[in-house]
Amino acid sequence: MGYLEDKLIASIIAGYDGHRGWINYFAVHPDFQSRGYGKQLMDNVENKLRELGCPKINLQIREGTIRFLILSKTWLC
């Protein structure tokens, strides 16, 4: 979860099954998008998965979320 002054502005659901990491849901409130909060949250999750020994991350992207697909290429590659 991403908070700014006690206000929830971002959320991510991730997991690690012992073989690969998963990012299933990710959202940033529209009023706080394009400010780096999403990247910071994604970086934190990626670092945590790495600490757990996770060798790779699968990213689940729903149809219609092209903007996130473009951002994910710059974050995770």
PDB file of N, CA and C in Angstrom:
ATOM      1  N   MET A   1       0.834  -1.171   0.000  1.00  0.00           N
ATOM      2  CA  MET A   1       0.000   0.000   0.000  1.00  0.00           C
ATOM      3  C   MET A   1       0.881   1.237   0.000  1.00  0.00           C
ATOM      4  N   GLY A   2       0.423   2.255  -0.669  1.00  0.00           N
ATOM      5  CA  GLY A   2       1.138   3.522  -0.694  1.00  0.00           C
ATOM      6  C   GLY A   2       0.290   4.605  -0.052  1.00  0.00           C
ATOM      7  N   TYR A   3       0.830   5.216   0.975  1.00  0.00           N
ATOM      8  CA  TYR A   3       0.117   6.265   1.704  1.00  0.00           C
ATOM      9  C   TYR A   3       0.854   7.586   1.585  1.00  0.00           C
ATOM     10  N   LEU A   4       0.101   8.671   1.550  1.00  0.00           N
ATOM     11  CA  LEU A   4       0.642  10.020   1.601  1.00  0.00           C
ATOM     12  C   LEU A   4      -0.176  10.774   2.634  1.00  0.00           C
ATOM     13  N   GLU A   5       0.478  11.119   3.737  1.00  0.00           N
ATOM     14  CA  GLU A   5      -0.209  11.814   4.839  1.00  0.00           C
ATOM     15  C   GLU A   5      -1.490  11.079   5.250  1.00  0.00           C
ATOM     16  N   ASP A   6      -1.379   9.811   5.536  1.00  0.00           N
ATOM     17  CA  ASP A   6      -2.489   8.965   5.994  1.00  0.00           C
ATOM     18  C   ASP A   6      -3.573   8.724   4.944  1.00  0.00           C
ATOM     19  N   LYS A   7      -3.332   9.123   3.706  1.00  0.00           N
ATOM     20  CA  LYS A   7      -4.304   8.893   2.639  1.00  0.00           C
ATOM     21  C   LYS A   7      -3.763   7.801   1.718  1.00  0.00           C
ATOM     22  N   LEU A   8      -4.575   6.772   1.494  1.00  0.00           N
ATOM     23  CA  LEU A   8      -4.194   5.692   0.591  1.00  0.00           C
ATOM     24  C   LEU A   8      -4.218   6.228  -0.838  1.00  0.00           C
ATOM     25  N   ILE A   9      -3.057   6.185  -1.514  1.00  0.00           N
ATOM     26  CA  ILE A   9      -2.988   6.697  -2.879  1.00  0.00           C
ATOM     27  C   ILE A   9      -2.591   5.624  -3.891  1.00  0.00           C
ATOM     28  N   ALA A  10      -2.090   4.482  -3.409  1.00  0.00           N
ATOM     29  CA  ALA A  10      -1.659   3.428  -4.329  1.00  0.00           C
ATOM     30  C   ALA A  10      -1.785   2.068  -3.657  1.00  0.00           C
ATOM     31  N   SER A  11      -1.945   1.050  -4.491  1.00  0.00           N
ATOM     32  CA  SER A  11      -2.099  -0.305  -3.972  1.00  0.00           C
ATOM     33  C   SER A  11      -1.478  -1.294  -4.953  1.00  0.00           C
ATOM     34  N   ILE A  12      -0.919  -2.352  -4.391  1.00  0.00           N
ATOM     35  CA  ILE A  12      -0.336  -3.402  -5.221  1.00  0.00           C
ATOM     36  C   ILE A  12      -0.550  -4.742  -4.515  1.00  0.00           C
ATOM     37  N   ILE A  13      -0.848  -5.767  -5.279  1.00  0.00           N
ATOM     38  CA  ILE A  13      -0.941  -7.122  -4.739  1.00  0.00           C
ATOM     39  C   ILE A  13       0.116  -7.952  -5.453  1.00  0.00           C
ATOM     40  N   ALA A  14       1.028  -8.501  -4.678  1.00  0.00           N
ATOM     41  CA  ALA A  14       2.128  -9.288  -5.232  1.00  0.00           C
ATOM     42  C   ALA A  14       2.329 -10.526  -4.378  1.00  0.00           C
ATOM     43  N   GLY A  15       2.992 -11.508  -4.949  1.00  0.00           N
ATOM     44  CA  GLY A  15       3.273 -12.728  -4.205  1.00  0.00           C
ATOM     45  C   GLY A  15       4.474 -13.447  -4.774  1.00  0.00           C
ATOM     46  N   TYR A  16       4.903 -14.457  -4.043  1.00  0.00           N
ATOM     47  CA  TYR A  16       6.034 -15.279  -4.459  1.00  0.00           C
ATOM     48  C   TYR A  16       5.713 -16.716  -4.104  1.00  0.00           C
ATOM     49  N   ASP A  17       5.707 -17.596  -5.095  1.00  0.00           N
ATOM     50  CA  ASP A  17       5.336 -18.992  -4.872  1.00  0.00           C
ATOM     51  C   ASP A  17       6.538 -19.921  -4.720  1.00  0.00           C
ATOM     52  N   GLY A  18       7.727 -19.351  -4.595  1.00  0.00           N
ATOM     53  CA  GLY A  18       8.931 -20.151  -4.471  1.00  0.00           C
ATOM     54  C   GLY A  18       9.645 -20.371  -5.796  1.00  0.00           C
ATOM     55  N   HIS A  19       8.951 -20.089  -6.894  1.00  0.00           N
ATOM     56  CA  HIS A  19       9.539 -20.232  -8.227  1.00  0.00           C
ATOM     57  C   HIS A  19       9.592 -18.902  -8.967  1.00  0.00           C
ATOM     58  N   ARG A  20       8.553 -18.107  -8.796  1.00  0.00           N
ATOM     59  CA  ARG A  20       8.478 -16.817  -9.477  1.00  0.00           C
ATOM     60  C   ARG A  20       7.607 -15.873  -8.666  1.00  0.00           C
ATOM     61  N   GLY A  21       7.845 -14.595  -8.874  1.00  0.00           N
ATOM     62  CA  GLY A  21       7.013 -13.583  -8.237  1.00  0.00           C
ATOM     63  C   GLY A  21       5.849 -13.228  -9.150  1.00  0.00           C
ATOM     64  N   TRP A  22       4.807 -12.718  -8.543  1.00  0.00           N
ATOM     65  CA  TRP A  22       3.615 -12.316  -9.281  1.00  0.00           C
ATOM     66  C   TRP A  22       3.198 -10.922  -8.855  1.00  0.00           C
ATOM     67  N   ILE A  23       2.849 -10.112  -9.815  1.00  0.00           N
ATOM     68  CA  ILE A  23       2.186  -8.841  -9.544  1.00  0.00           C
ATOM     69  C   ILE A  23       0.849  -8.933 -10.257  1.00  0.00           C
ATOM     70  N   ASN A  24      -0.208  -8.992  -9.455  1.00  0.00           N
ATOM     71  CA  ASN A  24      -1.544  -9.220 -10.000  1.00  0.00           C
ATOM     72  C   ASN A  24      -2.376  -7.950 -10.122  1.00  0.00           C
ATOM     73  N   TYR A  25      -2.273  -7.072  -9.166  1.00  0.00           N
ATOM     74  CA  TYR A  25      -3.053  -5.835  -9.179  1.00  0.00           C
ATOM     75  C   TYR A  25      -2.153  -4.682  -8.787  1.00  0.00           C
ATOM     76  N   PHE A  26      -2.347  -3.557  -9.454  1.00  0.00           N
ATOM     77  CA  PHE A  26      -1.541  -2.374  -9.185  1.00  0.00           C
ATOM     78  C   PHE A  26      -2.366  -1.160  -9.578  1.00  0.00           C
ATOM     79  N   ALA A  27      -2.471  -0.198  -8.690  1.00  0.00           N
ATOM     80  CA  ALA A  27      -3.259   0.997  -8.993  1.00  0.00           C
ATOM     81  C   ALA A  27      -2.704   2.195  -8.244  1.00  0.00           C
ATOM     82  N   VAL A  28      -2.790   3.344  -8.888  1.00  0.00           N
ATOM     83  CA  VAL A  28      -2.457   4.621  -8.266  1.00  0.00           C
ATOM     84  C   VAL A  28      -3.653   5.536  -8.502  1.00  0.00           C
ATOM     85  N   HIS A  29      -4.115   6.192  -7.444  1.00  0.00           N
ATOM     86  CA  HIS A  29      -5.243   7.110  -7.560  1.00  0.00           C
ATOM     87  C   HIS A  29      -4.949   8.123  -8.671  1.00  0.00           C
ATOM     88  N   PRO A  30      -5.928   8.407  -9.531  1.00  0.00           N
ATOM     89  CA  PRO A  30      -5.690   9.323 -10.651  1.00  0.00           C
ATOM     90  C   PRO A  30      -5.098  10.679 -10.255  1.00  0.00           C
ATOM     91  N   ASP A  31      -5.464  11.199  -9.097  1.00  0.00           N
ATOM     92  CA  ASP A  31      -4.928  12.497  -8.662  1.00  0.00           C
ATOM     93  C   ASP A  31      -3.438  12.447  -8.356  1.00  0.00           C
ATOM     94  N   PHE A  32      -2.880  11.241  -8.223  1.00  0.00           N
ATOM     95  CA  PHE A  32      -1.477  11.100  -7.828  1.00  0.00           C
ATOM     96  C   PHE A  32      -0.635  10.381  -8.887  1.00  0.00           C
ATOM     97  N   GLN A  33      -1.204  10.155 -10.056  1.00  0.00           N
ATOM     98  CA  GLN A  33      -0.455   9.502 -11.126  1.00  0.00           C
ATOM     99  C   GLN A  33       0.563  10.460 -11.740  1.00  0.00           C
ATOM    100  N   SER A  34       1.581   9.896 -12.357  1.00  0.00           N
ATOM    101  CA  SER A  34       2.655  10.646 -13.037  1.00  0.00           C
ATOM    102  C   SER A  34       3.481  11.495 -12.078  1.00  0.00           C
ATOM    103  N   ARG A  35       3.568  11.065 -10.828  1.00  0.00           N
ATOM    104  CA  ARG A  35       4.383  11.766  -9.830  1.00  0.00           C
ATOM    105  C   ARG A  35       5.471  10.870  -9.244  1.00  0.00           C
ATOM    106  N   GLY A  36       5.578   9.646  -9.753  1.00  0.00           N
ATOM    107  CA  GLY A  36       6.613   8.737  -9.282  1.00  0.00           C
ATOM    108  C   GLY A  36       6.196   7.830  -8.138  1.00  0.00           C
ATOM    109  N   TYR A  37       4.969   7.980  -7.629  1.00  0.00           N
ATOM    110  CA  TYR A  37       4.522   7.141  -6.515  1.00  0.00           C
ATOM    111  C   TYR A  37       4.393   5.679  -6.938  1.00  0.00           C
ATOM    112  N   GLY A  38       3.874   5.450  -8.124  1.00  0.00           N
ATOM    113  CA  GLY A  38       3.734   4.080  -8.610  1.00  0.00           C
ATOM    114  C   GLY A  38       5.075   3.399  -8.801  1.00  0.00           C
ATOM    115  N   LYS A  39       6.021   4.114  -9.361  1.00  0.00           N
ATOM    116  CA  LYS A  39       7.356   3.548  -9.552  1.00  0.00           C
ATOM    117  C   LYS A  39       8.001   3.231  -8.217  1.00  0.00           C
ATOM    118  N   GLN A  40       7.840   4.115  -7.249  1.00  0.00           N
ATOM    119  CA  GLN A  40       8.404   3.873  -5.918  1.00  0.00           C
ATOM    120  C   GLN A  40       7.797   2.617  -5.294  1.00  0.00           C
ATOM    121  N   LEU A  41       6.494   2.464  -5.407  1.00  0.00           N
ATOM    122  CA  LEU A  41       5.826   1.286  -4.857  1.00  0.00           C
ATOM    123  C   LEU A  41       6.287   0.021  -5.586  1.00  0.00           C
ATOM    124  N   MET A  42       6.365   0.085  -6.913  1.00  0.00           N
ATOM    125  CA  MET A  42       6.819  -1.070  -7.687  1.00  0.00           C
ATOM    126  C   MET A  42       8.264  -1.421  -7.331  1.00  0.00           C
ATOM    127  N   ASP A  43       9.124  -0.422  -7.175  1.00  0.00           N
ATOM    128  CA  ASP A  43      10.519  -0.672  -6.778  1.00  0.00           C
ATOM    129  C   ASP A  43      10.588  -1.373  -5.424  1.00  0.00           C
ATOM    130  N   ASN A  44       9.763  -0.934  -4.477  1.00  0.00           N
ATOM    131  CA  ASN A  44       9.749  -1.552  -3.147  1.00  0.00           C
ATOM    132  C   ASN A  44       9.335  -3.024  -3.224  1.00  0.00           C
ATOM    133  N   VAL A  45       8.318  -3.317  -4.016  1.00  0.00           N
ATOM    134  CA  VAL A  45       7.862  -4.703  -4.162  1.00  0.00           C
ATOM    135  C   VAL A  45       8.932  -5.542  -4.859  1.00  0.00           C
ATOM    136  N   GLU A  46       9.525  -4.993  -5.904  1.00  0.00           N
ATOM    137  CA  GLU A  46      10.577  -5.719  -6.617  1.00  0.00           C
ATOM    138  C   GLU A  46      11.748  -6.027  -5.680  1.00  0.00           C
ATOM    139  N   ASN A  47      12.149  -5.068  -4.862  1.00  0.00           N
ATOM    140  CA  ASN A  47      13.241  -5.293  -3.907  1.00  0.00           C
ATOM    141  C   ASN A  47      12.882  -6.350  -2.876  1.00  0.00           C
ATOM    142  N   LYS A  48      11.652  -6.329  -2.383  1.00  0.00           N
ATOM    143  CA  LYS A  48      11.214  -7.327  -1.406  1.00  0.00           C
ATOM    144  C   LYS A  48      11.231  -8.726  -2.018  1.00  0.00           C
ATOM    145  N   LEU A  49      10.742  -8.846  -3.242  1.00  0.00           N
ATOM    146  CA  LEU A  49      10.764 -10.146  -3.916  1.00  0.00           C
ATOM    147  C   LEU A  49      12.202 -10.626  -4.110  1.00  0.00           C
ATOM    148  N   ARG A  50      13.079  -9.718  -4.460  1.00  0.00           N
ATOM    149  CA  ARG A  50      14.491 -10.075  -4.634  1.00  0.00           C
ATOM    150  C   ARG A  50      15.080 -10.575  -3.311  1.00  0.00           C
ATOM    151  N   GLU A  51      14.745  -9.907  -2.199  1.00  0.00           N
ATOM    152  CA  GLU A  51      15.212 -10.339  -0.870  1.00  0.00           C
ATOM    153  C   GLU A  51      14.755 -11.759  -0.549  1.00  0.00           C
ATOM    154  N   LEU A  52      13.595 -12.135  -1.040  1.00  0.00           N
ATOM    155  CA  LEU A  52      13.050 -13.473  -0.804  1.00  0.00           C
ATOM    156  C   LEU A  52      13.673 -14.529  -1.716  1.00  0.00           C
ATOM    157  N   GLY A  53      14.552 -14.105  -2.617  1.00  0.00           N
ATOM    158  CA  GLY A  53      15.196 -15.037  -3.531  1.00  0.00           C
ATOM    159  C   GLY A  53      14.458 -15.229  -4.843  1.00  0.00           C
ATOM    160  N   CYS A  54      13.532 -14.364  -5.126  1.00  0.00           N
ATOM    161  CA  CYS A  54      12.725 -14.471  -6.337  1.00  0.00           C
ATOM    162  C   CYS A  54      13.578 -14.180  -7.578  1.00  0.00           C
ATOM    163  N   PRO A  55      13.667 -15.149  -8.516  1.00  0.00           N
ATOM    164  CA  PRO A  55      14.511 -14.957  -9.696  1.00  0.00           C
ATOM    165  C   PRO A  55      13.834 -14.211 -10.848  1.00  0.00           C
ATOM    166  N   LYS A  56      12.494 -14.179 -10.854  1.00  0.00           N
ATOM    167  CA  LYS A  56      11.783 -13.499 -11.938  1.00  0.00           C
ATOM    168  C   LYS A  56      10.395 -13.104 -11.461  1.00  0.00           C
ATOM    169  N   ILE A  57       9.817 -12.132 -12.153  1.00  0.00           N
ATOM    170  CA  ILE A  57       8.495 -11.622 -11.788  1.00  0.00           C
ATOM    171  C   ILE A  57       7.582 -11.708 -13.002  1.00  0.00           C
ATOM    172  N   ASN A  58       6.411 -12.295 -12.803  1.00  0.00           N
ATOM    173  CA  ASN A  58       5.371 -12.297 -13.829  1.00  0.00           C
ATOM    174  C   ASN A  58       4.415 -11.156 -13.524  1.00  0.00           C
ATOM    175  N   LEU A  59       4.118 -10.387 -14.532  1.00  0.00           N
ATOM    176  CA  LEU A  59       3.249  -9.230 -14.391  1.00  0.00           C
ATOM    177  C   LEU A  59       1.941  -9.521 -15.110  1.00  0.00           C
ATOM    178  N   GLN A  60       0.838  -9.488 -14.391  1.00  0.00           N
ATOM    179  CA  GLN A  60      -0.480  -9.737 -14.965  1.00  0.00           C
ATOM    180  C   GLN A  60      -1.085  -8.397 -15.371  1.00  0.00           C
ATOM    181  N   ILE A  61      -1.371  -8.227 -16.661  1.00  0.00           N
ATOM    182  CA  ILE A  61      -1.917  -6.965 -17.163  1.00  0.00           C
ATOM    183  C   ILE A  61      -3.250  -7.246 -17.842  1.00  0.00           C
ATOM    184  N   ARG A  62      -4.267  -6.521 -17.414  1.00  0.00           N
ATOM    185  CA  ARG A  62      -5.593  -6.688 -18.008  1.00  0.00           C
ATOM    186  C   ARG A  62      -5.671  -5.969 -19.350  1.00  0.00           C
ATOM    187  N   GLU A  63      -6.507  -6.509 -20.203  1.00  0.00           N
ATOM    188  CA  GLU A  63      -6.761  -5.864 -21.481  1.00  0.00           C
ATOM    189  C   GLU A  63      -7.266  -4.442 -21.228  1.00  0.00           C
ATOM    190  N   GLY A  64      -6.775  -3.504 -21.983  1.00  0.00           N
ATOM    191  CA  GLY A  64      -7.215  -2.124 -21.828  1.00  0.00           C
ATOM    192  C   GLY A  64      -6.317  -1.281 -20.943  1.00  0.00           C
ATOM    193  N   THR A  65      -5.252  -1.854 -20.429  1.00  0.00           N
ATOM    194  CA  THR A  65      -4.344  -1.087 -19.568  1.00  0.00           C
ATOM    195  C   THR A  65      -3.024  -0.839 -20.298  1.00  0.00           C
ATOM    196  N   ILE A  66      -3.128  -0.299 -21.490  1.00  0.00           N
ATOM    197  CA  ILE A  66      -1.961  -0.065 -22.335  1.00  0.00           C
ATOM    198  C   ILE A  66      -0.971   0.884 -21.664  1.00  0.00           C
ATOM    199  N   ARG A  67      -1.454   1.911 -20.985  1.00  0.00           N
ATOM    200  CA  ARG A  67      -0.545   2.857 -20.324  1.00  0.00           C
ATOM    201  C   ARG A  67       0.350   2.130 -19.328  1.00  0.00           C
ATOM    202  N   PHE A  68      -0.224   1.219 -18.554  1.00  0.00           N
ATOM    203  CA  PHE A  68       0.578   0.477 -17.589  1.00  0.00           C
ATOM    204  C   PHE A  68       1.582  -0.430 -18.286  1.00  0.00           C
ATOM    205  N   LEU A  69       1.182  -1.026 -19.386  1.00  0.00           N
ATOM    206  CA  LEU A  69       2.100  -1.886 -20.136  1.00  0.00           C
ATOM    207  C   LEU A  69       3.319  -1.087 -20.587  1.00  0.00           C
ATOM    208  N   ILE A  70       3.106   0.113 -21.069  1.00  0.00           N
ATOM    209  CA  ILE A  70       4.218   0.969 -21.498  1.00  0.00           C
ATOM    210  C   ILE A  70       5.105   1.316 -20.308  1.00  0.00           C
ATOM    211  N   LEU A  71       4.512   1.704 -19.179  1.00  0.00           N
ATOM    212  CA  LEU A  71       5.296   2.034 -17.982  1.00  0.00           C
ATOM    213  C   LEU A  71       6.071   0.829 -17.479  1.00  0.00           C
ATOM    214  N   SER A  72       5.440  -0.335 -17.502  1.00  0.00           N
ATOM    215  CA  SER A  72       6.102  -1.525 -16.966  1.00  0.00           C
ATOM    216  C   SER A  72       7.354  -1.869 -17.752  1.00  0.00           C
ATOM    217  N   LYS A  73       7.376  -1.581 -19.031  1.00  0.00           N
ATOM    218  CA  LYS A  73       8.568  -1.850 -19.834  1.00  0.00           C
ATOM    219  C   LYS A  73       9.741  -0.993 -19.378  1.00  0.00           C
ATOM    220  N   THR A  74       9.484   0.221 -18.938  1.00  0.00           N
ATOM    221  CA  THR A  74      10.578   1.078 -18.469  1.00  0.00           C
ATOM    222  C   THR A  74      10.987   0.719 -17.051  1.00  0.00           C
ATOM    223  N   TRP A  75      10.083   0.173 -16.246  1.00  0.00           N
ATOM    224  CA  TRP A  75      10.382  -0.139 -14.848  1.00  0.00           C
ATOM    225  C   TRP A  75      11.101  -1.464 -14.683  1.00  0.00           C
ATOM    226  N   LEU A  76      10.645  -2.486 -15.372  1.00  0.00           N
ATOM    227  CA  LEU A  76      11.067  -3.846 -15.060  1.00  0.00           C
ATOM    228  C   LEU A  76      12.093  -4.437 -16.016  1.00  0.00           C
ATOM    229  N   CYS A  77      12.438  -3.754 -17.055  1.00  0.00           N
ATOM    230  CA  CYS A  77      13.391  -4.316 -18.021  1.00  0.00           C
ATOM    231  C   CYS A  77      14.806  -3.825 -17.769  1.00  0.00           C
TER     232      CYS A  77
END
